[in-house]
Amino acid sequence: MRSTDKSLLCPNFSRQLSVFEVRLSEARLPFHLFEGLRTWDQQDELYAQGRTSPGNIVTNARGGDSWHNYGLACDYVLDAQPDKPGIQWSWDTRADMDANGHNDWRDMASIAVACGMESGFFWTRFPDLPHVQNRFGLSIADAKELYRLGGIQKVWAACKGEL
């Protein structure tokens, strides 16, 4: 089951996301948190997709190799019909620009970067437009070792920085 609970994320990252969400709203970009923290088993299920289970490949990260597993990444997805009650999730990531030269996904990614995060929009090897993260200077190897030594709280304790 996917989680949208920001209280399950690294507190520094969660505060950063709150600023990010305000800026998305100010820019009238209809993106909403779709998924944050993911268990290692959930990550392995996503990794299997398109490989040993039906569907398209959506990640190259196995359990423990994703920043979602440490509460340091989230996916934001468009509301396809923001005027309709509830969120009508849309993963339509076509990079079409509107008449004013704006692309919602690029604009969302630029706001993420301005808030001090990384955006999968700008990844060249495996672009992941909905993905935003902050590693706070850690490598995956660092995160795995910290997790081994003291769980997710130990990882979060290493996540210092200006917000």
N, C-alpha and C. Protein backbone atom coordinates (compact mmCIF):
# COMPACT_ATOMS: atom_id res chain seq x y z
N MET A 1 0.84 -1.19 0.00
CA MET A 1 0.00 0.00 0.00
C MET A 1 0.89 1.25 0.00
N ARG A 2 0.59 2.17 -0.85
CA ARG A 2 1.41 3.37 -0.97
C ARG A 2 1.10 4.35 0.16
N SER A 3 2.11 5.12 0.52
CA SER A 3 1.98 6.06 1.62
C SER A 3 2.08 7.50 1.12
N THR A 4 1.16 8.33 1.59
CA THR A 4 1.22 9.77 1.33
C THR A 4 1.41 10.54 2.64
N ASP A 5 1.75 9.82 3.69
CA ASP A 5 1.90 10.41 5.02
C ASP A 5 3.29 11.02 5.16
N LYS A 6 3.37 12.34 5.13
CA LYS A 6 4.66 13.02 5.23
C LYS A 6 5.29 12.86 6.61
N SER A 7 4.50 12.47 7.62
CA SER A 7 5.08 12.27 8.94
C SER A 7 5.95 11.01 8.98
N LEU A 8 5.87 10.18 7.96
CA LEU A 8 6.70 8.98 7.87
C LEU A 8 8.01 9.24 7.13
N LEU A 9 8.21 10.48 6.71
CA LEU A 9 9.42 10.86 5.99
C LEU A 9 10.42 11.52 6.94
N CYS A 10 11.66 11.62 6.50
CA CYS A 10 12.67 12.35 7.25
C CYS A 10 12.12 13.74 7.57
N PRO A 11 12.14 14.15 8.83
CA PRO A 11 11.56 15.46 9.18
C PRO A 11 12.12 16.63 8.37
N ASN A 12 13.44 16.66 8.13
CA ASN A 12 14.00 17.75 7.33
C ASN A 12 13.47 17.72 5.91
N PHE A 13 13.33 16.55 5.35
CA PHE A 13 12.79 16.41 4.00
C PHE A 13 11.30 16.79 3.98
N SER A 14 10.56 16.38 4.98
CA SER A 14 9.14 16.70 5.06
C SER A 14 8.91 18.21 5.11
N ARG A 15 9.74 18.91 5.89
CA ARG A 15 9.62 20.38 5.94
C ARG A 15 9.93 20.99 4.58
N GLN A 16 10.91 20.45 3.91
CA GLN A 16 11.26 20.91 2.57
C GLN A 16 10.09 20.70 1.61
N LEU A 17 9.42 19.56 1.73
CA LEU A 17 8.27 19.27 0.87
C LEU A 17 7.12 20.23 1.12
N SER A 18 6.96 20.65 2.36
CA SER A 18 5.88 21.61 2.67
C SER A 18 6.11 22.93 1.93
N VAL A 19 7.35 23.40 1.91
CA VAL A 19 7.68 24.62 1.16
C VAL A 19 7.44 24.37 -0.34
N PHE A 20 7.89 23.24 -0.82
CA PHE A 20 7.70 22.85 -2.22
C PHE A 20 6.22 22.87 -2.60
N GLU A 21 5.38 22.31 -1.77
CA GLU A 21 3.95 22.26 -2.06
C GLU A 21 3.32 23.64 -2.09
N VAL A 22 3.76 24.54 -1.21
CA VAL A 22 3.27 25.92 -1.24
C VAL A 22 3.65 26.57 -2.56
N ARG A 23 4.88 26.36 -2.98
CA ARG A 23 5.34 26.96 -4.24
C ARG A 23 4.62 26.36 -5.45
N LEU A 24 4.31 25.06 -5.40
CA LEU A 24 3.50 24.46 -6.48
C LEU A 24 2.13 25.12 -6.54
N SER A 25 1.53 25.31 -5.39
CA SER A 25 0.21 25.94 -5.32
C SER A 25 0.26 27.37 -5.84
N GLU A 26 1.29 28.12 -5.42
CA GLU A 26 1.44 29.50 -5.88
C GLU A 26 1.60 29.56 -7.40
N ALA A 27 2.25 28.55 -7.97
CA ALA A 27 2.45 28.51 -9.42
C ALA A 27 1.25 27.89 -10.14
N ARG A 28 0.22 27.53 -9.39
CA ARG A 28 -0.99 26.91 -9.93
C ARG A 28 -0.67 25.63 -10.70
N LEU A 29 0.25 24.86 -10.15
CA LEU A 29 0.61 23.56 -10.73
C LEU A 29 -0.11 22.47 -9.94
N PRO A 30 -0.99 21.71 -10.59
CA PRO A 30 -1.85 20.75 -9.89
C PRO A 30 -1.15 19.41 -9.59
N PHE A 31 -0.01 19.47 -8.88
CA PHE A 31 0.69 18.25 -8.49
C PHE A 31 0.39 17.95 -7.03
N HIS A 32 0.30 16.65 -6.74
CA HIS A 32 0.01 16.21 -5.38
C HIS A 32 0.88 15.01 -5.05
N LEU A 33 1.19 14.87 -3.77
CA LEU A 33 1.99 13.76 -3.30
C LEU A 33 1.25 12.45 -3.58
N PHE A 34 1.88 11.60 -4.35
CA PHE A 34 1.29 10.29 -4.67
C PHE A 34 1.89 9.20 -3.80
N GLU A 35 3.21 9.26 -3.59
CA GLU A 35 3.84 8.23 -2.76
C GLU A 35 5.13 8.75 -2.17
N GLY A 36 5.34 8.42 -0.91
CA GLY A 36 6.56 8.80 -0.21
C GLY A 36 7.32 7.56 0.21
N LEU A 37 7.28 7.28 1.52
CA LEU A 37 8.02 6.14 2.06
C LEU A 37 7.53 4.83 1.44
N ARG A 38 8.48 4.00 1.09
CA ARG A 38 8.21 2.70 0.49
C ARG A 38 9.04 1.65 1.23
N THR A 39 8.43 0.51 1.55
CA THR A 39 9.20 -0.55 2.18
C THR A 39 10.14 -1.18 1.16
N TRP A 40 11.10 -1.92 1.65
CA TRP A 40 12.03 -2.60 0.75
C TRP A 40 11.28 -3.64 -0.08
N ASP A 41 10.29 -4.32 0.54
CA ASP A 41 9.49 -5.31 -0.21
C ASP A 41 8.67 -4.63 -1.31
N GLN A 42 8.08 -3.48 -1.01
CA GLN A 42 7.34 -2.74 -2.03
C GLN A 42 8.27 -2.33 -3.17
N GLN A 43 9.49 -1.93 -2.82
CA GLN A 43 10.46 -1.55 -3.85
C GLN A 43 10.82 -2.75 -4.72
N ASP A 44 10.99 -3.91 -4.11
CA ASP A 44 11.29 -5.12 -4.88
C ASP A 44 10.14 -5.48 -5.83
N GLU A 45 8.90 -5.26 -5.37
CA GLU A 45 7.74 -5.52 -6.25
C GLU A 45 7.76 -4.58 -7.45
N LEU A 46 8.07 -3.30 -7.22
CA LEU A 46 8.16 -2.36 -8.34
C LEU A 46 9.31 -2.72 -9.27
N TYR A 47 10.43 -3.17 -8.69
CA TYR A 47 11.58 -3.57 -9.51
C TYR A 47 11.22 -4.77 -10.40
N ALA A 48 10.41 -5.67 -9.89
CA ALA A 48 10.01 -6.86 -10.65
C ALA A 48 9.10 -6.51 -11.83
N GLN A 49 8.39 -5.40 -11.71
CA GLN A 49 7.46 -4.99 -12.77
C GLN A 49 8.22 -4.82 -14.08
N GLY A 50 7.73 -5.49 -15.11
CA GLY A 50 8.37 -5.43 -16.43
C GLY A 50 9.53 -6.38 -16.57
N ARG A 51 9.89 -7.02 -15.48
CA ARG A 51 10.97 -8.00 -15.52
C ARG A 51 10.40 -9.40 -15.30
N THR A 52 9.90 -9.65 -14.09
CA THR A 52 9.33 -10.97 -13.79
C THR A 52 7.84 -10.91 -13.52
N SER A 53 7.26 -9.70 -13.54
CA SER A 53 5.81 -9.54 -13.40
C SER A 53 5.33 -8.60 -14.50
N PRO A 54 4.03 -8.61 -14.79
CA PRO A 54 3.50 -7.80 -15.90
C PRO A 54 3.71 -6.30 -15.69
N GLY A 55 3.73 -5.59 -16.80
CA GLY A 55 3.82 -4.14 -16.77
C GLY A 55 5.11 -3.64 -17.37
N ASN A 56 5.24 -2.33 -17.37
CA ASN A 56 6.44 -1.68 -17.87
C ASN A 56 7.45 -1.50 -16.74
N ILE A 57 8.71 -1.48 -17.08
CA ILE A 57 9.75 -1.20 -16.10
C ILE A 57 9.57 0.25 -15.63
N VAL A 58 9.49 0.42 -14.30
CA VAL A 58 9.29 1.75 -13.74
C VAL A 58 10.43 2.18 -12.83
N THR A 59 11.33 1.26 -12.50
CA THR A 59 12.46 1.61 -11.63
C THR A 59 13.63 0.68 -11.92
N ASN A 60 14.81 1.20 -11.66
CA ASN A 60 16.02 0.37 -11.71
C ASN A 60 16.55 0.09 -10.31
N ALA A 61 15.80 0.49 -9.30
CA ALA A 61 16.24 0.35 -7.91
C ALA A 61 15.54 -0.82 -7.23
N ARG A 62 16.35 -1.70 -6.66
CA ARG A 62 15.82 -2.79 -5.84
C ARG A 62 15.61 -2.27 -4.41
N GLY A 63 14.99 -3.08 -3.58
CA GLY A 63 14.80 -2.72 -2.18
C GLY A 63 16.12 -2.32 -1.53
N GLY A 64 16.15 -1.19 -0.88
CA GLY A 64 17.35 -0.67 -0.24
C GLY A 64 18.17 0.25 -1.13
N ASP A 65 17.85 0.24 -2.43
CA ASP A 65 18.60 1.08 -3.38
C ASP A 65 17.81 2.31 -3.81
N SER A 66 16.66 2.54 -3.20
CA SER A 66 15.83 3.69 -3.54
C SER A 66 15.77 4.64 -2.35
N TRP A 67 15.80 5.92 -2.64
CA TRP A 67 15.68 6.91 -1.58
C TRP A 67 14.29 6.89 -0.95
N HIS A 68 13.30 6.32 -1.65
CA HIS A 68 11.98 6.13 -1.04
C HIS A 68 12.09 5.26 0.22
N ASN A 69 12.99 4.28 0.20
CA ASN A 69 13.14 3.34 1.32
C ASN A 69 13.64 4.01 2.59
N TYR A 70 14.19 5.21 2.45
CA TYR A 70 14.74 5.92 3.60
C TYR A 70 13.95 7.19 3.94
N GLY A 71 12.79 7.35 3.30
CA GLY A 71 11.96 8.53 3.57
C GLY A 71 12.58 9.80 3.06
N LEU A 72 13.36 9.68 1.96
CA LEU A 72 14.04 10.84 1.39
C LEU A 72 13.65 11.10 -0.06
N ALA A 73 12.56 10.48 -0.50
CA ALA A 73 12.07 10.68 -1.88
C ALA A 73 10.56 10.58 -1.90
N CYS A 74 9.97 11.29 -2.85
CA CYS A 74 8.53 11.26 -3.06
C CYS A 74 8.24 11.37 -4.55
N ASP A 75 7.06 10.89 -4.92
CA ASP A 75 6.57 11.06 -6.28
C ASP A 75 5.36 11.98 -6.23
N TYR A 76 5.39 13.00 -7.09
CA TYR A 76 4.29 13.94 -7.23
C TYR A 76 3.67 13.75 -8.60
N VAL A 77 2.34 13.66 -8.62
CA VAL A 77 1.63 13.36 -9.85
C VAL A 77 0.56 14.42 -10.08
N LEU A 78 0.28 14.65 -11.35
CA LEU A 78 -0.71 15.65 -11.75
C LEU A 78 -2.13 15.23 -11.39
N ASP A 79 -2.94 16.22 -11.07
CA ASP A 79 -4.39 16.05 -11.00
C ASP A 79 -4.90 16.44 -12.39
N ALA A 80 -5.38 15.46 -13.14
CA ALA A 80 -5.79 15.69 -14.52
C ALA A 80 -7.01 16.61 -14.63
N GLN A 81 -7.82 16.64 -13.57
CA GLN A 81 -9.03 17.48 -13.59
C GLN A 81 -9.14 18.21 -12.25
N PRO A 82 -8.32 19.24 -12.06
CA PRO A 82 -8.30 19.92 -10.76
C PRO A 82 -9.62 20.57 -10.35
N ASP A 83 -10.51 20.80 -11.31
CA ASP A 83 -11.80 21.40 -10.97
C ASP A 83 -12.81 20.37 -10.48
N LYS A 84 -12.48 19.10 -10.62
CA LYS A 84 -13.36 18.00 -10.19
C LYS A 84 -13.00 17.61 -8.76
N PRO A 85 -13.99 17.29 -7.91
CA PRO A 85 -13.68 16.88 -6.53
C PRO A 85 -12.75 15.65 -6.51
N GLY A 86 -11.87 15.62 -5.52
CA GLY A 86 -10.91 14.52 -5.43
C GLY A 86 -9.80 14.70 -6.44
N ILE A 87 -8.83 13.83 -6.37
CA ILE A 87 -7.70 13.91 -7.30
C ILE A 87 -7.86 12.85 -8.39
N GLN A 88 -7.77 13.31 -9.62
CA GLN A 88 -7.84 12.42 -10.78
C GLN A 88 -6.40 12.21 -11.25
N TRP A 89 -5.73 11.19 -10.71
CA TRP A 89 -4.30 10.98 -10.94
C TRP A 89 -3.99 10.82 -12.42
N SER A 90 -2.94 11.50 -12.85
CA SER A 90 -2.49 11.41 -14.24
C SER A 90 -0.97 11.33 -14.29
N TRP A 91 -0.48 10.29 -14.96
CA TRP A 91 0.96 10.13 -15.16
C TRP A 91 1.33 10.55 -16.57
N ASP A 92 0.52 11.36 -17.20
CA ASP A 92 0.80 11.81 -18.56
C ASP A 92 1.99 12.75 -18.48
N THR A 93 3.14 12.24 -18.87
CA THR A 93 4.38 13.00 -18.74
C THR A 93 4.88 13.55 -20.07
N ARG A 94 4.00 13.59 -21.04
CA ARG A 94 4.43 14.16 -22.32
C ARG A 94 4.93 15.57 -22.10
N ALA A 95 6.01 15.89 -22.76
CA ALA A 95 6.68 17.18 -22.52
C ALA A 95 6.17 18.27 -23.45
N ASP A 96 4.87 18.30 -23.67
CA ASP A 96 4.29 19.34 -24.52
C ASP A 96 4.25 20.66 -23.75
N MET A 97 4.57 21.73 -24.45
CA MET A 97 4.49 23.05 -23.84
C MET A 97 3.13 23.67 -24.16
N ASP A 98 2.66 24.48 -23.23
CA ASP A 98 1.41 25.18 -23.51
C ASP A 98 1.70 26.40 -24.38
N ALA A 99 0.67 27.17 -24.66
CA ALA A 99 0.82 28.33 -25.55
C ALA A 99 1.79 29.37 -24.99
N ASN A 100 2.00 29.37 -23.68
CA ASN A 100 2.90 30.33 -23.06
C ASN A 100 4.32 29.79 -22.88
N GLY A 101 4.58 28.60 -23.43
CA GLY A 101 5.91 28.01 -23.33
C GLY A 101 6.18 27.28 -22.03
N HIS A 102 5.12 26.96 -21.27
CA HIS A 102 5.28 26.27 -20.00
C HIS A 102 5.01 24.78 -20.17
N ASN A 103 5.78 23.99 -19.44
CA ASN A 103 5.56 22.56 -19.33
C ASN A 103 5.42 22.28 -17.84
N ASP A 104 4.27 21.76 -17.42
CA ASP A 104 4.01 21.57 -16.00
C ASP A 104 5.07 20.72 -15.32
N TRP A 105 5.52 19.64 -15.98
CA TRP A 105 6.51 18.75 -15.38
C TRP A 105 7.86 19.46 -15.22
N ARG A 106 8.27 20.20 -16.23
CA ARG A 106 9.53 20.93 -16.13
C ARG A 106 9.42 22.02 -15.07
N ASP A 107 8.28 22.70 -15.03
CA ASP A 107 8.08 23.75 -14.02
C ASP A 107 8.11 23.16 -12.61
N MET A 108 7.47 22.00 -12.42
CA MET A 108 7.49 21.32 -11.13
C MET A 108 8.92 20.96 -10.75
N ALA A 109 9.67 20.43 -11.71
CA ALA A 109 11.06 20.03 -11.47
C ALA A 109 11.92 21.24 -11.10
N SER A 110 11.71 22.34 -11.77
CA SER A 110 12.47 23.56 -11.48
C SER A 110 12.18 24.08 -10.08
N ILE A 111 10.93 23.98 -9.65
CA ILE A 111 10.57 24.39 -8.30
C ILE A 111 11.24 23.47 -7.28
N ALA A 112 11.26 22.17 -7.56
CA ALA A 112 11.93 21.22 -6.66
C ALA A 112 13.39 21.60 -6.48
N VAL A 113 14.06 21.89 -7.58
CA VAL A 113 15.48 22.28 -7.52
C VAL A 113 15.65 23.59 -6.74
N ALA A 114 14.75 24.54 -6.98
CA ALA A 114 14.82 25.82 -6.25
C ALA A 114 14.61 25.62 -4.75
N CYS A 115 13.93 24.54 -4.37
CA CYS A 115 13.70 24.22 -2.96
C CYS A 115 14.82 23.35 -2.39
N GLY A 116 15.88 23.12 -3.18
CA GLY A 116 17.03 22.36 -2.68
C GLY A 116 16.96 20.87 -2.89
N MET A 117 16.03 20.41 -3.72
CA MET A 117 15.89 18.98 -3.97
C MET A 117 16.41 18.63 -5.36
N GLU A 118 16.54 17.35 -5.61
CA GLU A 118 16.83 16.84 -6.94
C GLU A 118 15.51 16.43 -7.59
N SER A 119 15.45 16.52 -8.89
CA SER A 119 14.26 16.09 -9.62
C SER A 119 14.65 15.05 -10.66
N GLY A 120 13.90 13.95 -10.68
CA GLY A 120 14.13 12.92 -11.68
C GLY A 120 13.85 13.39 -13.10
N PHE A 121 13.21 14.54 -13.24
CA PHE A 121 12.96 15.11 -14.56
C PHE A 121 14.26 15.33 -15.31
N PHE A 122 15.29 15.71 -14.59
CA PHE A 122 16.56 16.08 -15.21
C PHE A 122 17.54 14.91 -15.37
N TRP A 123 17.15 13.72 -14.94
CA TRP A 123 18.03 12.56 -15.09
C TRP A 123 18.10 12.16 -16.55
N THR A 124 19.28 11.91 -17.05
CA THR A 124 19.43 11.56 -18.47
C THR A 124 19.32 10.06 -18.72
N ARG A 125 19.80 9.23 -17.79
CA ARG A 125 19.81 7.79 -18.02
C ARG A 125 18.43 7.16 -17.89
N PHE A 126 17.68 7.54 -16.89
CA PHE A 126 16.36 6.97 -16.64
C PHE A 126 15.48 8.07 -16.05
N PRO A 127 15.02 9.02 -16.89
CA PRO A 127 14.21 10.12 -16.36
C PRO A 127 12.99 9.60 -15.59
N ASP A 128 12.69 10.24 -14.47
CA ASP A 128 11.57 9.86 -13.62
C ASP A 128 10.88 11.16 -13.22
N LEU A 129 10.00 11.65 -14.10
CA LEU A 129 9.43 12.97 -13.95
C LEU A 129 8.72 13.21 -12.62
N PRO A 130 7.97 12.25 -12.05
CA PRO A 130 7.28 12.52 -10.79
C PRO A 130 8.20 12.58 -9.56
N HIS A 131 9.43 12.13 -9.68
CA HIS A 131 10.31 11.89 -8.54
C HIS A 131 11.06 13.14 -8.08
N VAL A 132 11.00 13.41 -6.76
CA VAL A 132 11.83 14.42 -6.12
C VAL A 132 12.49 13.78 -4.91
N GLN A 133 13.71 14.22 -4.61
CA GLN A 133 14.44 13.63 -3.48
C GLN A 133 15.46 14.61 -2.94
N ASN A 134 15.91 14.31 -1.72
CA ASN A 134 17.05 15.00 -1.15
C ASN A 134 17.87 13.95 -0.41
N ARG A 135 19.10 13.75 -0.86
CA ARG A 135 20.00 12.77 -0.26
C ARG A 135 20.79 13.36 0.90
N PHE A 136 20.72 14.69 1.05
CA PHE A 136 21.44 15.38 2.13
C PHE A 136 22.91 14.96 2.15
N GLY A 137 23.49 14.78 0.96
CA GLY A 137 24.91 14.45 0.84
C GLY A 137 25.26 12.99 1.03
N LEU A 138 24.28 12.15 1.30
CA LEU A 138 24.53 10.73 1.50
C LEU A 138 24.59 9.98 0.18
N SER A 139 25.31 8.89 0.16
CA SER A 139 25.25 7.94 -0.95
C SER A 139 24.32 6.80 -0.50
N ILE A 140 23.90 5.99 -1.44
CA ILE A 140 23.07 4.82 -1.08
C ILE A 140 23.87 3.92 -0.14
N ALA A 141 25.16 3.75 -0.39
CA ALA A 141 25.99 2.92 0.50
C ALA A 141 25.98 3.50 1.92
N ASP A 142 26.07 4.82 2.04
CA ASP A 142 26.00 5.47 3.36
C ASP A 142 24.66 5.16 4.03
N ALA A 143 23.58 5.34 3.28
CA ALA A 143 22.24 5.13 3.83
C ALA A 143 22.06 3.68 4.28
N LYS A 144 22.52 2.74 3.48
CA LYS A 144 22.41 1.32 3.85
C LYS A 144 23.17 1.02 5.14
N GLU A 145 24.38 1.56 5.24
CA GLU A 145 25.19 1.31 6.45
C GLU A 145 24.55 1.95 7.68
N LEU A 146 24.09 3.20 7.55
CA LEU A 146 23.42 3.86 8.66
C LEU A 146 22.16 3.08 9.06
N TYR A 147 21.42 2.62 8.09
CA TYR A 147 20.20 1.84 8.35
C TYR A 147 20.55 0.56 9.11
N ARG A 148 21.63 -0.10 8.68
CA ARG A 148 22.07 -1.34 9.33
C ARG A 148 22.44 -1.06 10.78
N LEU A 149 23.06 0.07 11.04
CA LEU A 149 23.53 0.41 12.37
C LEU A 149 22.42 0.89 13.31
N GLY A 150 21.37 1.49 12.75
CA GLY A 150 20.36 2.07 13.66
C GLY A 150 19.01 2.34 13.04
N GLY A 151 18.73 1.71 11.91
CA GLY A 151 17.43 1.90 11.29
C GLY A 151 17.27 3.26 10.64
N ILE A 152 16.05 3.56 10.27
CA ILE A 152 15.77 4.78 9.52
C ILE A 152 16.09 6.03 10.35
N GLN A 153 15.93 5.95 11.66
CA GLN A 153 16.24 7.11 12.51
C GLN A 153 17.71 7.50 12.42
N LYS A 154 18.58 6.50 12.28
CA LYS A 154 20.02 6.77 12.14
C LYS A 154 20.30 7.47 10.80
N VAL A 155 19.58 7.06 9.76
CA VAL A 155 19.72 7.74 8.45
C VAL A 155 19.27 9.18 8.58
N TRP A 156 18.11 9.38 9.17
CA TRP A 156 17.58 10.73 9.31
C TRP A 156 18.48 11.63 10.15
N ALA A 157 19.11 11.07 11.18
CA ALA A 157 20.00 11.87 12.02
C ALA A 157 21.18 12.43 11.21
N ALA A 158 21.54 11.74 10.12
CA ALA A 158 22.63 12.20 9.27
C ALA A 158 22.18 13.24 8.25
N CYS A 159 20.90 13.49 8.18
CA CYS A 159 20.33 14.39 7.15
C CYS A 159 20.20 15.81 7.71
N LYS A 160 21.31 16.47 7.70
CA LYS A 160 21.35 17.84 8.17
C LYS A 160 21.46 18.76 6.96
N GLY A 161 21.17 20.00 7.15
CA GLY A 161 21.36 20.93 6.05
C GLY A 161 20.43 22.11 6.16
N GLU A 162 20.70 23.07 5.35
CA GLU A 162 19.87 24.27 5.28
C GLU A 162 18.60 23.92 4.53
N LEU A 163 17.49 24.41 5.05
CA LEU A 163 16.20 24.17 4.40
C LEU A 163 15.61 25.46 3.90
